[in-house]
C-alpha atoms as a PDB file:
ATOM      1  CA  UNK A   1      87.358 141.982 122.241  1.00  0.00           C
ATOM      2  CA  UNK A   2      84.480 144.023 120.831  1.00  0.00           C
ATOM      3  CA  UNK A   3      84.920 146.656 118.013  1.00  0.00           C
ATOM      4  CA  UNK A   4      84.870 149.238 120.691  1.00  0.00           C
ATOM      5  CA  UNK A   5      87.422 148.079 122.772  1.00  0.00           C
ATOM      6  CA  UNK A   6      89.468 147.152 119.631  1.00  0.00           C
ATOM      7  CA  UNK A   7      89.352 150.906 118.492  1.00  0.00           C
ATOM      8  CA  UNK A   8      90.087 151.883 121.823  1.00  0.00           C
ATOM      9  CA  UNK A   9      93.455 149.738 121.881  1.00  0.00           C
ATOM     10  CA  UNK A  10      94.380 151.118 118.514  1.00  0.00           C
ATOM     11  CA  UNK A  11      93.967 154.606 119.787  1.00  0.00           C
ATOM     12  CA  UNK A  12      95.777 153.852 122.734  1.00  0.00           C
ATOM     13  CA  UNK A  13      98.949 152.080 121.118  1.00  0.00           C
ATOM     14  CA  UNK A  14      99.209 154.967 118.461  1.00  0.00           C
ATOM     15  CA  UNK A  15      99.026 157.470 121.413  1.00  0.00           C
ATOM     16  CA  UNK A  16     101.966 155.582 122.933  1.00  0.00           C
ATOM     17  CA  UNK A  17     103.943 156.255 119.697  1.00  0.00           C
ATOM     18  CA  UNK A  18     102.912 159.940 120.088  1.00  0.00           C
ATOM     19  CA  UNK A  19     100.359 159.721 117.068  1.00  0.00           C
ATOM     20  CA  UNK A  20      96.766 161.145 117.633  1.00  0.00           C
ATOM     21  CA  UNK A  21      94.314 159.473 115.485  1.00  0.00           C
ATOM     22  CA  UNK A  22      90.521 159.941 115.552  1.00  0.00           C
ATOM     23  CA  UNK A  23      87.849 157.105 116.110  1.00  0.00           C
ATOM     24  CA  UNK A  24      87.183 156.811 112.408  1.00  0.00           C
ATOM     25  CA  UNK A  25      90.803 156.224 111.665  1.00  0.00           C
ATOM     26  CA  UNK A  26      90.848 153.719 114.327  1.00  0.00           C
ATOM     27  CA  UNK A  27      87.902 151.941 112.965  1.00  0.00           C
ATOM     28  CA  UNK A  28      89.303 152.005 109.700  1.00  0.00           C
ATOM     29  CA  UNK A  29      92.359 150.163 110.890  1.00  0.00           C
ATOM     30  CA  UNK A  30      90.574 147.572 112.633  1.00  0.00           C
ATOM     31  CA  UNK A  31      88.699 146.826 109.404  1.00  0.00           C
ATOM     32  CA  UNK A  32      91.682 146.774 107.618  1.00  0.00           C
ATOM     33  CA  UNK A  33      92.939 144.105 109.961  1.00  0.00           C
ATOM     34  CA  UNK A  34      90.039 142.040 109.635  1.00  0.00           C
ATOM     35  CA  UNK A  35      89.917 142.015 105.968  1.00  0.00           C
ATOM     36  CA  UNK A  36      93.552 141.161 105.835  1.00  0.00           C
ATOM     37  CA  UNK A  37      93.368 138.408 108.138  1.00  0.00           C
ATOM     38  CA  UNK A  38      90.333 136.933 106.481  1.00  0.00           C
ATOM     39  CA  UNK A  39      91.812 137.240 102.889  1.00  0.00           C
ATOM     40  CA  UNK A  40      95.089 135.768 104.523  1.00  0.00           C
ATOM     41  CA  UNK A  41      93.538 132.444 104.537  1.00  0.00           C
ATOM     42  CA  UNK A  42      93.680 132.003 100.831  1.00  0.00           C
ATOM     43  CA  UNK A  43      96.533 134.528  99.611  1.00  0.00           C
ATOM     44  CA  UNK A  44      99.668 134.607 101.691  1.00  0.00           C
ATOM     45  CA  UNK A  45      99.946 138.191 102.798  1.00  0.00           C
ATOM     46  CA  UNK A  46     101.433 138.313 106.364  1.00  0.00           C
ATOM     47  CA  UNK A  47     102.800 135.800 109.017  1.00  0.00           C
ATOM     48  CA  UNK A  48     101.484 138.352 111.594  1.00  0.00           C
ATOM     49  CA  UNK A  49      97.635 137.822 112.191  1.00  0.00           C
ATOM     50  CA  UNK A  50      97.015 138.378 115.932  1.00  0.00           C
ATOM     51  CA  UNK A  51      95.186 141.573 116.442  1.00  0.00           C
ATOM     52  CA  UNK A  52      97.317 143.122 119.247  1.00  0.00           C
ATOM     53  CA  UNK A  53     100.659 142.254 117.011  1.00  0.00           C
ATOM     54  CA  UNK A  54      99.060 143.782 113.780  1.00  0.00           C
ATOM     55  CA  UNK A  55      98.384 146.858 115.401  1.00  0.00           C
ATOM     56  CA  UNK A  56     101.927 147.507 116.559  1.00  0.00           C
ATOM     57  CA  UNK A  57     104.124 145.457 114.198  1.00  0.00           C
ATOM     58  CA  UNK A  58     102.270 146.474 110.984  1.00  0.00           C
ATOM     59  CA  UNK A  59     100.121 149.632 111.753  1.00  0.00           C
ATOM     60  CA  UNK A  60     101.960 151.816 114.187  1.00  0.00           C
ATOM     61  CA  UNK A  61     105.508 150.501 112.538  1.00  0.00           C
ATOM     62  CA  UNK A  62     103.935 151.624 109.148  1.00  0.00           C
ATOM     63  CA  UNK A  63     102.976 155.437 110.365  1.00  0.00           C
ATOM     64  CA  UNK A  64     105.632 156.368 112.973  1.00  0.00           C
ATOM     65  CA  UNK A  65     108.285 156.889 110.524  1.00  0.00           C
ATOM     66  CA  UNK A  66     106.267 159.355 108.634  1.00  0.00           C
ATOM     67  CA  UNK A  67     105.392 161.308 112.020  1.00  0.00           C
ATOM     68  CA  UNK A  68     109.066 161.571 112.996  1.00  0.00           C
ATOM     69  CA  UNK A  69     109.687 163.187 109.536  1.00  0.00           C
ATOM     70  CA  UNK A  70     108.008 166.367 108.602  1.00  0.00           C
ATOM     71  CA  UNK A  71     106.004 165.264 105.571  1.00  0.00           C
ATOM     72  CA  UNK A  72     104.181 168.220 103.558  1.00  0.00           C
ATOM     73  CA  UNK A  73     100.566 168.045 103.108  1.00  0.00           C
ATOM     74  CA  UNK A  74      99.633 166.682  99.827  1.00  0.00           C
ATOM     75  CA  UNK A  75     102.968 164.945  99.135  1.00  0.00           C
ATOM     76  CA  UNK A  76     102.794 161.894  96.556  1.00  0.00           C
ATOM     77  CA  UNK A  77     104.598 158.996  97.282  1.00  0.00           C
ATOM     78  CA  UNK A  78     104.965 155.473  96.000  1.00  0.00           C
ATOM     79  CA  UNK A  79     105.422 152.521  98.214  1.00  0.00           C
ATOM     80  CA  UNK A  80     107.711 150.072  96.191  1.00  0.00           C
ATOM     81  CA  UNK A  81     107.092 146.240  96.783  1.00  0.00           C
ATOM     82  CA  UNK A  82     104.343 147.182  99.028  1.00  0.00           C
ATOM     83  CA  UNK A  83     103.230 143.460  99.544  1.00  0.00           C
ATOM     84  CA  UNK A  84     100.140 143.555 101.725  1.00  0.00           C
ATOM     85  CA  UNK A  85     100.097 147.470 101.662  1.00  0.00           C
ATOM     86  CA  UNK A  86     102.505 148.395 104.273  1.00  0.00           C
ATOM     87  CA  UNK A  87     103.508 151.173 104.865  1.00  0.00           C
ATOM     88  CA  UNK A  88     100.938 152.593 102.363  1.00  0.00           C
ATOM     89  CA  UNK A  89      97.647 151.500 103.639  1.00  0.00           C
ATOM     90  CA  UNK A  90      97.817 152.692 107.398  1.00  0.00           C
ATOM     91  CA  UNK A  91      99.685 155.885 106.289  1.00  0.00           C
ATOM     92  CA  UNK A  92      97.015 156.741 103.924  1.00  0.00           C
ATOM     93  CA  UNK A  93      94.399 156.116 106.618  1.00  0.00           C
ATOM     94  CA  UNK A  94      96.294 158.443 109.178  1.00  0.00           C
ATOM     95  CA  UNK A  95      97.321 161.097 106.360  1.00  0.00           C
ATOM     96  CA  UNK A  96      94.515 160.900 103.681  1.00  0.00           C
ATOM     97  CA  UNK A  97      95.891 164.323 102.191  1.00  0.00           C
ATOM     98  CA  UNK A  98      98.801 162.198 100.903  1.00  0.00           C
ATOM     99  CA  UNK A  99      98.655 160.889  97.170  1.00  0.00           C
ATOM    100  CA  UNK A 100      99.731 157.151  97.555  1.00  0.00           C
ATOM    101  CA  UNK A 101     100.717 154.977  94.516  1.00  0.00           C
ATOM    102  CA  UNK A 102     101.197 151.043  95.623  1.00  0.00           C
ATOM    103  CA  UNK A 103     103.478 148.967  93.364  1.00  0.00           C
ATOM    104  CA  UNK A 104     103.777 145.118  93.690  1.00  0.00           C
ATOM    105  CA  UNK A 105     105.024 142.332  91.119  1.00  0.00           C
ATOM    106  CA  UNK A 106     102.485 140.001  92.367  1.00  0.00           C
ATOM    107  CA  UNK A 107      99.059 140.192  90.819  1.00  0.00           C
ATOM    108  CA  UNK A 108      97.187 138.430  93.528  1.00  0.00           C
ATOM    109  CA  UNK A 109      98.306 140.873  96.064  1.00  0.00           C
ATOM    110  CA  UNK A 110      97.392 143.937  93.759  1.00  0.00           C
ATOM    111  CA  UNK A 111      93.789 142.221  93.478  1.00  0.00           C
ATOM    112  CA  UNK A 112      93.822 142.180  97.320  1.00  0.00           C
ATOM    113  CA  UNK A 113      94.929 145.720  97.283  1.00  0.00           C
ATOM    114  CA  UNK A 114      92.106 146.986  95.002  1.00  0.00           C
ATOM    115  CA  UNK A 115      89.406 145.263  97.349  1.00  0.00           C
ATOM    116  CA  UNK A 116      90.774 146.454 100.432  1.00  0.00           C
ATOM    117  CA  UNK A 117      90.975 150.002  99.211  1.00  0.00           C
ATOM    118  CA  UNK A 118      87.380 149.841  98.021  1.00  0.00           C
ATOM    119  CA  UNK A 119      86.163 148.203 100.930  1.00  0.00           C
ATOM    120  CA  UNK A 120      87.589 150.700 103.373  1.00  0.00           C
ATOM    121  CA  UNK A 121      87.393 153.523 101.276  1.00  0.00           C
ATOM    122  CA  UNK A 122      91.076 154.198 100.998  1.00  0.00           C
ATOM    123  CA  UNK A 123      92.131 156.563  97.771  1.00  0.00           C
ATOM    124  CA  UNK A 124      95.433 155.015  96.098  1.00  0.00           C
ATOM    125  CA  UNK A 125      96.708 154.075  92.896  1.00  0.00           C
ATOM    126  CA  UNK A 126      97.456 150.228  92.783  1.00  0.00           C
ATOM    127  CA  UNK A 127      99.884 149.202  89.844  1.00  0.00           C
ATOM    128  CA  UNK A 128     100.971 145.806  88.984  1.00  0.00           C
ATOM    129  CA  UNK A 129     104.449 145.709  87.717  1.00  0.00           C
ATOM    130  CA  UNK A 130     107.977 145.017  88.603  1.00  0.00           C
ATOM    131  CA  UNK A 131     109.464 148.075  90.127  1.00  0.00           C
ATOM    132  CA  UNK A 132     112.476 148.262  87.976  1.00  0.00           C
ATOM    133  CA  UNK A 133     110.287 148.585  84.804  1.00  0.00           C
ATOM    134  CA  UNK A 134     107.962 150.911  86.332  1.00  0.00           C
ATOM    135  CA  UNK A 135     111.021 152.962  87.662  1.00  0.00           C
ATOM    136  CA  UNK A 136     111.973 153.629  83.851  1.00  0.00           C
ATOM    137  CA  UNK A 137     108.583 154.740  83.160  1.00  0.00           C
ATOM    138  CA  UNK A 138     107.723 156.915  86.193  1.00  0.00           C
ATOM    139  CA  UNK A 139     111.244 158.578  86.906  1.00  0.00           C
ATOM    140  CA  UNK A 140     111.429 161.265  89.119  1.00  0.00           C
ATOM    141  CA  UNK A 141     107.718 161.604  89.386  1.00  0.00           C
ATOM    142  CA  UNK A 142     107.102 161.484  93.175  1.00  0.00           C
ATOM    143  CA  UNK A 143     107.902 163.455  96.231  1.00  0.00           C
ATOM    144  CA  UNK A 144     108.918 160.491  97.977  1.00  0.00           C
ATOM    145  CA  UNK A 145     109.364 156.937  97.686  1.00  0.00           C
ATOM    146  CA  UNK A 146     109.190 154.407 100.479  1.00  0.00           C
ATOM    147  CA  UNK A 147     109.828 150.723 101.068  1.00  0.00           C
ATOM    148  CA  UNK A 148     109.600 148.410 104.280  1.00  0.00           C
ATOM    149  CA  UNK A 149     111.893 145.752 102.769  1.00  0.00           C
ATOM    150  CA  UNK A 150     114.519 143.227 103.785  1.00  0.00           C
ATOM    151  CA  UNK A 151     116.633 143.933 100.661  1.00  0.00           C
ATOM    152  CA  UNK A 152     120.052 145.449 101.433  1.00  0.00           C
ATOM    153  CA  UNK A 153     120.188 149.383 101.004  1.00  0.00           C
ATOM    154  CA  UNK A 154     122.315 149.323  97.735  1.00  0.00           C
ATOM    155  CA  UNK A 155     119.699 147.037  96.215  1.00  0.00           C
ATOM    156  CA  UNK A 156     116.703 148.867  97.580  1.00  0.00           C
ATOM    157  CA  UNK A 157     117.910 152.168  96.583  1.00  0.00           C
ATOM    158  CA  UNK A 158     118.332 151.140  93.084  1.00  0.00           C
ATOM    159  CA  UNK A 159     114.638 150.175  92.852  1.00  0.00           C
ATOM    160  CA  UNK A 160     113.447 153.319  94.900  1.00  0.00           C
ATOM    161  CA  UNK A 161     115.522 156.515  94.292  1.00  0.00           C
ATOM    162  CA  UNK A 162     114.880 156.714  90.417  1.00  0.00           C
ATOM    163  CA  UNK A 163     111.214 157.236  91.293  1.00  0.00           C
ATOM    164  CA  UNK A 164     111.924 160.338  93.460  1.00  0.00           C
ATOM    165  CA  UNK A 165     112.020 164.062  92.151  1.00  0.00           C
ATOM    166  CA  UNK A 166     115.148 165.923  92.599  1.00  0.00           C
ATOM    167  CA  UNK A 167     114.751 167.413  96.179  1.00  0.00           C
ATOM    168  CA  UNK A 168     112.634 164.638  97.427  1.00  0.00           C
ATOM    169  CA  UNK A 169     113.469 161.639  99.334  1.00  0.00           C
ATOM    170  CA  UNK A 170     113.715 157.847  99.530  1.00  0.00           C
ATOM    171  CA  UNK A 171     112.636 156.853 103.037  1.00  0.00           C
ATOM    172  CA  UNK A 172     113.544 153.307 103.704  1.00  0.00           C
ATOM    173  CA  UNK A 173     112.366 151.541 106.843  1.00  0.00           C
ATOM    174  CA  UNK A 174     115.002 149.163 108.179  1.00  0.00           C
ATOM    175  CA  UNK A 175     116.327 146.870 110.784  1.00  0.00           C
ATOM    176  CA  UNK A 176     118.804 148.156 113.282  1.00  0.00           C
ATOM    177  CA  UNK A 177     121.084 145.550 112.336  1.00  0.00           C
ATOM    178  CA  UNK A 178     122.200 147.196 108.832  1.00  0.00           C
ATOM    179  CA  UNK A 179     124.906 149.672 108.559  1.00  0.00           C
ATOM    180  CA  UNK A 180     123.427 152.163 106.130  1.00  0.00           C
ATOM    181  CA  UNK A 181     126.592 153.935 105.758  1.00  0.00           C
ATOM    182  CA  UNK A 182     127.686 151.165 103.657  1.00  0.00           C
ATOM    183  CA  UNK A 183     125.384 152.181 100.821  1.00  0.00           C
ATOM    184  CA  UNK A 184     126.692 155.466 100.492  1.00  0.00           C
ATOM    185  CA  UNK A 185     128.570 154.822  97.326  1.00  0.00           C
ATOM    186  CA  UNK A 186     125.467 153.258  95.629  1.00  0.00           C
ATOM    187  CA  UNK A 187     123.091 155.961  96.579  1.00  0.00           C
ATOM    188  CA  UNK A 188     125.551 158.583  95.342  1.00  0.00           C
ATOM    189  CA  UNK A 189     125.565 156.923  91.889  1.00  0.00           C
ATOM    190  CA  UNK A 190     121.920 157.130  91.903  1.00  0.00           C
ATOM    191  CA  UNK A 191     121.924 160.730  92.481  1.00  0.00           C
ATOM    192  CA  UNK A 192     121.094 160.626  96.380  1.00  0.00           C
ATOM    193  CA  UNK A 193     123.047 161.442  99.666  1.00  0.00           C
ATOM    194  CA  UNK A 194     122.292 159.690 103.049  1.00  0.00           C
ATOM    195  CA  UNK A 195     120.323 162.791 104.726  1.00  0.00           C
ATOM    196  CA  UNK A 196     119.499 161.136 108.092  1.00  0.00           C
ATOM    197  CA  UNK A 197     119.759 157.867 109.880  1.00  0.00           C
ATOM    198  CA  UNK A 198     117.497 157.714 113.128  1.00  0.00           C
ATOM    199  CA  UNK A 199     116.854 154.685 115.170  1.00  0.00           C
ATOM    200  CA  UNK A 200     113.584 154.656 117.290  1.00  0.00           C
ATOM    201  CA  UNK A 201     111.437 152.135 119.132  1.00  0.00           C
ATOM    202  CA  UNK A 202     107.803 150.767 118.505  1.00  0.00           C
ATOM    203  CA  UNK A 203     105.463 151.026 121.626  1.00  0.00           C
ATOM    204  CA  UNK A 204     106.301 147.115 122.502  1.00  0.00           C
ATOM    205  CA  UNK A 205     110.067 147.990 122.578  1.00  0.00           C
ATOM    206  CA  UNK A 206     110.857 146.731 119.203  1.00  0.00           C
ATOM    207  CA  UNK A 207     114.081 148.510 117.598  1.00  0.00           C
ATOM    208  CA  UNK A 208     113.754 150.260 114.120  1.00  0.00           C
ATOM    209  CA  UNK A 209     115.995 152.244 111.959  1.00  0.00           C
ATOM    210  CA  UNK A 210     114.799 154.837 109.475  1.00  0.00           C
ATOM    211  CA  UNK A 211     117.121 155.920 106.530  1.00  0.00           C
ATOM    212  CA  UNK A 212     116.418 159.288 104.553  1.00  0.00           C
ATOM    213  CA  UNK A 213     118.113 159.532 101.192  1.00  0.00           C
ATOM    214  CA  UNK A 214     117.864 163.035  99.724  1.00  0.00           C
ATOM    215  CA  UNK A 215     117.688 163.233  95.881  1.00  0.00           C
ATOM    216  CA  UNK A 216     120.179 165.863  94.935  1.00  0.00           C
ATOM    217  CA  UNK A 217     120.732 165.222  91.419  1.00  0.00           C
ATOM    218  CA  UNK A 218     118.837 163.279  88.367  1.00  0.00           C
ATOM    219  CA  UNK A 219     119.349 159.734  88.417  1.00  0.00           C
ATOM    220  CA  UNK A 220     121.375 158.267  85.271  1.00  0.00           C
ATOM    221  CA  UNK A 221     119.246 156.679  82.771  1.00  0.00           C
ATOM    222  CA  UNK A 222     121.061 153.376  82.937  1.00  0.00           C
ATOM    223  CA  UNK A 223     119.373 153.027  86.475  1.00  0.00           C
ATOM    224  CA  UNK A 224     117.335 150.905  87.570  1.00  0.00           C
ATOM    225  CA  UNK A 225     119.037 148.005  85.781  1.00  0.00           C
ATOM    226  CA  UNK A 226     117.235 144.604  85.270  1.00  0.00           C
ATOM    227  CA  UNK A 227     116.506 142.645  88.376  1.00  0.00           C
ATOM    228  CA  UNK A 228     118.941 140.058  87.533  1.00  0.00           C
ATOM    229  CA  UNK A 229     121.752 142.455  87.424  1.00  0.00           C
ATOM    230  CA  UNK A 230     120.554 144.288  90.317  1.00  0.00           C
ATOM    231  CA  UNK A 231     120.917 141.092  92.322  1.00  0.00           C
ATOM    232  CA  UNK A 232     124.146 139.754  90.679  1.00  0.00           C
ATOM    233  CA  UNK A 233     125.906 142.829  90.933  1.00  0.00           C
ATOM    234  CA  UNK A 234     124.678 145.340  93.453  1.00  0.00           C
ATOM    235  CA  UNK A 235     125.937 149.038  93.135  1.00  0.00           C
END
C-alpha cells in the first residue's frame, strides 16, 4: 500500500469506530506506525507489527475509550506504564488539546518515546520513573490517569489512582474477562469509586472493557506502596 492508501485505511477504520480524523492526523498515525515498527527491530516495543493490525489493535484501541467518554478540552493526563506509548500517543494525535505525560520504568522505551514525539511533532512530557515512586511525587496532579495494562485492577488502581485530582478519573482499558467489581474494596481505600464499566467492540470485532474510577477523596499518603508490597499483598 502506498501512503495515500494507508492514510485512507486509517481514516476508514477510525470512521467505523465513529471517530472522525483529518488527513493530517491519519498521516501522523501512519508515520508513528512506520517509526515504531522500524525501531522495534532493535528495541522490543510490540508484538503487533502488521500495518492493518497496528491501526485497529493499537491506534483505534487507544483512542476509542476517550471518544466514548466525555473528556473536557485541555485536560491533563498521565499514561502509567505507557510502554510503546499506548494509549497516549494516538490519543495526543487525535486530541492535541490534551496535556499528556507518559511514564515508563524502562529507559530505552523512554528514549524511543522522546524520539518518536520529536519525529512526528507530538507534544508530551516523557518521564523515566517507576510509577509508584512518581505517584508519591506527583500526587493528585492530573485530571485523569490511564493505563492499558494486563495487571489486575487492585494492583493497577494503586499505581494509577494516586495521580488523579479529587473529582478526576482513572480510566482503565481492560479485557472483558476481568471482573472489575472485585476491585471495589481496593479502589475505595485509594479514595475512588467505580463510576462506570462499559463493554464495547473494535472495528474488527474484538471485545474490550472500559472501567472508569471516580476520585472522590484524597488518596491516603501510605499509597502507593513499594512495588514489592503491591505485588505481594494487593489491596
